[in-house]
Amino acid sequence: MQAQPKYQSEVTTVVMGERTITIKNLTPILPPTEREKRKREVEQKLFDVFSKYAGQRV
């Protein structure tokens, strides 16, 4: 069982017209090797999706 990673929080407030929108971004704090492993996994999955739909034009 893996321990839950700690997260770095980044809060941004944006005003659009009359509305104020608050965006909270949570980024996991991971060791460099785990970060690279997850990055490669995401890149591979994105490549698979884009490869699947690259030939299809509407």
N, C-alpha and C. Protein backbone atom coordinates (compact mmCIF):
# COMPACT_ATOMS: atom_id res chain seq x y z
N MET A 1 0.85 -1.19 0.00
CA MET A 1 0.00 0.00 0.00
C MET A 1 0.89 1.24 0.00
N GLN A 2 0.57 2.18 -0.87
CA GLN A 2 1.35 3.40 -0.97
C GLN A 2 0.80 4.48 -0.04
N ALA A 3 1.71 5.28 0.49
CA ALA A 3 1.29 6.41 1.32
C ALA A 3 0.73 7.51 0.44
N GLN A 4 -0.23 8.23 0.94
CA GLN A 4 -0.81 9.33 0.19
C GLN A 4 0.21 10.47 0.09
N PRO A 5 0.43 10.99 -1.12
CA PRO A 5 1.39 12.09 -1.26
C PRO A 5 0.85 13.38 -0.67
N LYS A 6 1.74 14.24 -0.27
CA LYS A 6 1.34 15.57 0.18
C LYS A 6 1.18 16.43 -1.07
N TYR A 7 0.40 17.49 -0.95
CA TYR A 7 0.11 18.33 -2.09
C TYR A 7 0.54 19.77 -1.85
N GLN A 8 0.99 20.41 -2.92
CA GLN A 8 1.30 21.83 -2.89
C GLN A 8 0.08 22.54 -3.46
N SER A 9 -0.42 23.52 -2.74
CA SER A 9 -1.63 24.23 -3.15
C SER A 9 -1.27 25.58 -3.76
N GLU A 10 -1.96 25.89 -4.86
CA GLU A 10 -1.79 27.18 -5.53
C GLU A 10 -3.19 27.73 -5.80
N VAL A 11 -3.48 28.91 -5.26
CA VAL A 11 -4.80 29.51 -5.41
C VAL A 11 -4.68 30.78 -6.24
N THR A 12 -5.54 30.87 -7.27
CA THR A 12 -5.57 32.03 -8.15
C THR A 12 -7.00 32.55 -8.20
N THR A 13 -7.17 33.85 -8.12
CA THR A 13 -8.48 34.47 -8.24
C THR A 13 -8.52 35.31 -9.52
N VAL A 14 -9.56 35.08 -10.33
CA VAL A 14 -9.70 35.77 -11.60
C VAL A 14 -11.06 36.46 -11.64
N VAL A 15 -11.09 37.67 -12.15
CA VAL A 15 -12.35 38.39 -12.30
C VAL A 15 -12.73 38.38 -13.78
N MET A 16 -13.93 37.86 -14.06
CA MET A 16 -14.45 37.82 -15.43
C MET A 16 -15.80 38.53 -15.43
N GLY A 17 -15.81 39.72 -15.95
CA GLY A 17 -17.04 40.50 -15.93
C GLY A 17 -17.40 40.84 -14.50
N GLU A 18 -18.60 40.40 -14.07
CA GLU A 18 -19.05 40.65 -12.71
C GLU A 18 -18.76 39.47 -11.77
N ARG A 19 -18.18 38.42 -12.31
CA ARG A 19 -17.94 37.22 -11.51
C ARG A 19 -16.49 37.12 -11.07
N THR A 20 -16.32 36.63 -9.86
CA THR A 20 -14.98 36.34 -9.34
C THR A 20 -14.87 34.82 -9.25
N ILE A 21 -13.85 34.28 -9.91
CA ILE A 21 -13.65 32.84 -9.95
C ILE A 21 -12.35 32.52 -9.21
N THR A 22 -12.42 31.58 -8.28
CA THR A 22 -11.25 31.14 -7.54
C THR A 22 -10.85 29.76 -8.05
N ILE A 23 -9.60 29.63 -8.46
CA ILE A 23 -9.07 28.36 -8.98
C ILE A 23 -8.05 27.84 -7.98
N LYS A 24 -8.24 26.60 -7.54
CA LYS A 24 -7.30 25.99 -6.60
C LYS A 24 -6.65 24.81 -7.31
N ASN A 25 -5.34 24.88 -7.49
CA ASN A 25 -4.58 23.84 -8.15
C ASN A 25 -3.78 23.08 -7.10
N LEU A 26 -3.96 21.75 -7.05
CA LEU A 26 -3.21 20.91 -6.13
C LEU A 26 -2.22 20.08 -6.93
N THR A 27 -0.95 20.18 -6.59
CA THR A 27 0.10 19.44 -7.27
C THR A 27 0.75 18.49 -6.26
N PRO A 28 0.80 17.19 -6.59
CA PRO A 28 1.41 16.26 -5.63
C PRO A 28 2.92 16.50 -5.52
N ILE A 29 3.43 16.38 -4.31
CA ILE A 29 4.86 16.49 -4.08
C ILE A 29 5.41 15.07 -4.12
N LEU A 30 6.16 14.75 -5.19
CA LEU A 30 6.67 13.40 -5.41
C LEU A 30 8.18 13.41 -5.56
N PRO A 31 8.81 12.27 -5.27
CA PRO A 31 10.24 12.16 -5.55
C PRO A 31 10.47 12.25 -7.07
N PRO A 32 11.63 12.71 -7.50
CA PRO A 32 11.90 12.87 -8.94
C PRO A 32 11.66 11.61 -9.77
N THR A 33 12.01 10.44 -9.25
CA THR A 33 11.81 9.21 -10.03
C THR A 33 10.33 8.91 -10.23
N GLU A 34 9.53 9.10 -9.20
CA GLU A 34 8.09 8.86 -9.31
C GLU A 34 7.44 9.90 -10.24
N ARG A 35 7.90 11.14 -10.17
CA ARG A 35 7.38 12.19 -11.03
C ARG A 35 7.64 11.85 -12.50
N GLU A 36 8.85 11.40 -12.82
CA GLU A 36 9.19 11.03 -14.20
C GLU A 36 8.36 9.83 -14.66
N LYS A 37 8.17 8.86 -13.77
CA LYS A 37 7.38 7.68 -14.12
C LYS A 37 5.95 8.08 -14.48
N ARG A 38 5.34 8.93 -13.66
CA ARG A 38 3.96 9.37 -13.93
C ARG A 38 3.89 10.23 -15.19
N LYS A 39 4.90 11.06 -15.41
CA LYS A 39 4.94 11.89 -16.61
C LYS A 39 4.97 11.01 -17.86
N ARG A 40 5.80 9.97 -17.84
CA ARG A 40 5.87 9.06 -19.00
C ARG A 40 4.54 8.34 -19.22
N GLU A 41 3.87 7.94 -18.14
CA GLU A 41 2.57 7.27 -18.27
C GLU A 41 1.54 8.19 -18.92
N VAL A 42 1.50 9.44 -18.47
CA VAL A 42 0.55 10.41 -19.04
C VAL A 42 0.87 10.67 -20.51
N GLU A 43 2.15 10.86 -20.82
CA GLU A 43 2.54 11.11 -22.21
C GLU A 43 2.15 9.95 -23.11
N GLN A 44 2.35 8.72 -22.63
CA GLN A 44 2.01 7.55 -23.44
C GLN A 44 0.51 7.47 -23.68
N LYS A 45 -0.29 7.73 -22.64
CA LYS A 45 -1.74 7.68 -22.80
C LYS A 45 -2.23 8.78 -23.75
N LEU A 46 -1.65 9.97 -23.63
CA LEU A 46 -2.03 11.05 -24.56
C LEU A 46 -1.65 10.70 -25.98
N PHE A 47 -0.47 10.11 -26.17
CA PHE A 47 -0.04 9.69 -27.49
C PHE A 47 -1.01 8.67 -28.07
N ASP A 48 -1.44 7.72 -27.25
CA ASP A 48 -2.39 6.70 -27.71
C ASP A 48 -3.70 7.34 -28.17
N VAL A 49 -4.20 8.30 -27.40
CA VAL A 49 -5.47 8.96 -27.76
C VAL A 49 -5.30 9.77 -29.04
N PHE A 50 -4.24 10.58 -29.13
CA PHE A 50 -4.04 11.40 -30.32
C PHE A 50 -3.79 10.54 -31.54
N SER A 51 -3.08 9.45 -31.39
CA SER A 51 -2.83 8.55 -32.51
C SER A 51 -4.14 7.95 -33.01
N LYS A 52 -5.02 7.61 -32.10
CA LYS A 52 -6.30 7.01 -32.46
C LYS A 52 -7.16 7.96 -33.30
N TYR A 53 -7.16 9.25 -32.93
CA TYR A 53 -8.05 10.19 -33.58
C TYR A 53 -7.35 11.10 -34.60
N ALA A 54 -6.07 10.95 -34.81
CA ALA A 54 -5.32 11.85 -35.69
C ALA A 54 -5.80 11.77 -37.14
N GLY A 55 -6.20 10.61 -37.61
CA GLY A 55 -6.62 10.46 -38.99
C GLY A 55 -8.06 10.88 -39.24
N GLN A 56 -8.82 11.10 -38.19
CA GLN A 56 -10.24 11.45 -38.34
C GLN A 56 -10.40 12.96 -38.42
N ARG A 57 -10.96 13.44 -39.50
CA ARG A 57 -11.26 14.88 -39.65
C ARG A 57 -12.76 15.02 -39.82
N VAL A 58 -13.32 16.02 -39.22
CA VAL A 58 -14.77 16.26 -39.31
C VAL A 58 -15.07 17.12 -40.50
